[in-house]
Amino acid sequence: MKHATATAAYAAHRAELTAKIQRLEELLTKLDARQQADPQNWGIAGCAAHVSEELACIIDDISHTTK
C-alpha cells in the first residue's frame, strides 16, 4: 500500500502492529490453555521458545531505530 507521506505510512503500520500484538495476546492465551491441558507436551514449550526468540529479534530491530 502506498502512502502520501511518511507520517501516513507510519500511522497505518502502527495500527497494523497494534492489531497484531492484540492477536498475539489472544493466541498466547490459547497456548496457555493448551499447555495446561497437556503439561508434558514439549512441542508447546518449543513453540513458546521460538516465538520468544522471534520477538527478541523484533525488539532488537526496533531498539536500533529508537536510540
C-alpha atoms as a PDB file:
ATOM      1  CA  MET A   1       0.000   0.000   0.000  1.00  0.00           C
ATOM      2  CA  LYS A   2       1.353   3.399  -0.985  1.00  0.00           C
ATOM      3  CA  HIS A   3       1.040   6.369   1.336  1.00  0.00           C
ATOM      4  CA  ALA A   4       1.374  10.043   0.524  1.00  0.00           C
ATOM      5  CA  THR A   5       3.620  10.789   3.492  1.00  0.00           C
ATOM      6  CA  ALA A   6       5.896   9.009   5.924  1.00  0.00           C
ATOM      7  CA  THR A   7       3.519  10.053   8.704  1.00  0.00           C
ATOM      8  CA  ALA A   8       0.582   8.414   6.967  1.00  0.00           C
ATOM      9  CA  ALA A   9       2.618   5.265   6.323  1.00  0.00           C
ATOM     10  CA  TYR A  10       3.746   5.127   9.930  1.00  0.00           C
ATOM     11  CA  ALA A  11       0.192   5.581  11.218  1.00  0.00           C
ATOM     12  CA  ALA A  12      -1.082   2.753   9.026  1.00  0.00           C
ATOM     13  CA  HIS A  13       1.743   0.428  10.025  1.00  0.00           C
ATOM     14  CA  ARG A  14       1.338   1.351  13.701  1.00  0.00           C
ATOM     15  CA  ALA A  15      -2.347   0.414  13.546  1.00  0.00           C
ATOM     16  CA  GLU A  16      -1.400  -2.920  11.963  1.00  0.00           C
ATOM     17  CA  LEU A  17       1.176  -3.527  14.685  1.00  0.00           C
ATOM     18  CA  THR A  18      -1.377  -2.853  17.412  1.00  0.00           C
ATOM     19  CA  ALA A  19      -3.811  -5.316  15.829  1.00  0.00           C
ATOM     20  CA  LYS A  20      -1.093  -7.965  15.512  1.00  0.00           C
ATOM     21  CA  ILE A  21       0.002  -7.505  19.118  1.00  0.00           C
ATOM     22  CA  GLN A  22      -3.598  -7.937  20.248  1.00  0.00           C
ATOM     23  CA  ARG A  23      -3.878 -11.093  18.126  1.00  0.00           C
ATOM     24  CA  LEU A  24      -0.633 -12.387  19.625  1.00  0.00           C
ATOM     25  CA  GLU A  25      -2.096 -11.930  23.120  1.00  0.00           C
ATOM     26  CA  GLU A  26      -5.190 -13.907  22.078  1.00  0.00           C
ATOM     27  CA  LEU A  27      -3.059 -16.714  20.670  1.00  0.00           C
ATOM     28  CA  LEU A  28      -0.817 -16.811  23.724  1.00  0.00           C
ATOM     29  CA  THR A  29      -3.902 -17.203  25.912  1.00  0.00           C
ATOM     30  CA  LYS A  30      -4.917 -20.193  23.778  1.00  0.00           C
ATOM     31  CA  LEU A  31      -1.376 -21.569  24.003  1.00  0.00           C
ATOM     32  CA  ASP A  32      -1.548 -21.224  27.804  1.00  0.00           C
ATOM     33  CA  ALA A  33      -4.697 -23.345  27.799  1.00  0.00           C
ATOM     34  CA  ARG A  34      -3.085 -25.971  25.560  1.00  0.00           C
ATOM     35  CA  GLN A  35      -0.065 -26.168  27.859  1.00  0.00           C
ATOM     36  CA  GLN A  36      -2.263 -26.504  30.943  1.00  0.00           C
ATOM     37  CA  ALA A  37      -4.239 -29.285  29.233  1.00  0.00           C
ATOM     38  CA  ASP A  38      -1.069 -31.088  28.112  1.00  0.00           C
ATOM     39  CA  PRO A  39       1.739 -30.085  30.506  1.00  0.00           C
ATOM     40  CA  GLN A  40       4.116 -32.799  29.251  1.00  0.00           C
ATOM     41  CA  ASN A  41       3.998 -31.562  25.634  1.00  0.00           C
ATOM     42  CA  TRP A  42       7.437 -30.256  24.738  1.00  0.00           C
ATOM     43  CA  GLY A  43       6.110 -29.019  21.388  1.00  0.00           C
ATOM     44  CA  ILE A  44       4.137 -26.302  23.132  1.00  0.00           C
ATOM     45  CA  ALA A  45       7.221 -25.270  25.105  1.00  0.00           C
ATOM     46  CA  GLY A  46       9.207 -25.249  21.871  1.00  0.00           C
ATOM     47  CA  CYS A  47       6.603 -23.067  20.205  1.00  0.00           C
ATOM     48  CA  ALA A  48       6.818 -20.589  23.087  1.00  0.00           C
ATOM     49  CA  ALA A  49      10.629 -20.585  22.852  1.00  0.00           C
ATOM     50  CA  HIS A  50      10.504 -19.944  19.106  1.00  0.00           C
ATOM     51  CA  VAL A  51       8.050 -17.066  19.466  1.00  0.00           C
ATOM     52  CA  SER A  52      10.182 -15.599  22.246  1.00  0.00           C
ATOM     53  CA  GLU A  53      13.286 -15.723  20.036  1.00  0.00           C
ATOM     54  CA  GLU A  54      11.443 -14.075  17.143  1.00  0.00           C
ATOM     55  CA  LEU A  55      10.131 -11.332  19.426  1.00  0.00           C
ATOM     56  CA  ALA A  56      13.649 -10.744  20.764  1.00  0.00           C
ATOM     57  CA  CYS A  57      14.811 -10.128  17.174  1.00  0.00           C
ATOM     58  CA  ILE A  58      11.942  -7.721  16.593  1.00  0.00           C
ATOM     59  CA  ILE A  59      12.700  -5.858  19.812  1.00  0.00           C
ATOM     60  CA  ASP A  60      16.358  -5.662  18.823  1.00  0.00           C
ATOM     61  CA  ASP A  61      15.384  -4.230  15.416  1.00  0.00           C
ATOM     62  CA  ILE A  62      13.146  -1.591  16.973  1.00  0.00           C
ATOM     63  CA  SER A  63      15.696  -0.660  19.627  1.00  0.00           C
ATOM     64  CA  HIS A  64      18.181   0.320  16.909  1.00  0.00           C
ATOM     65  CA  THR A  65      15.740   2.838  15.453  1.00  0.00           C
ATOM     66  CA  THR A  66      14.691   4.420  18.747  1.00  0.00           C
ATOM     67  CA  LYS A  67      18.111   5.459  20.042  1.00  0.00           C
END
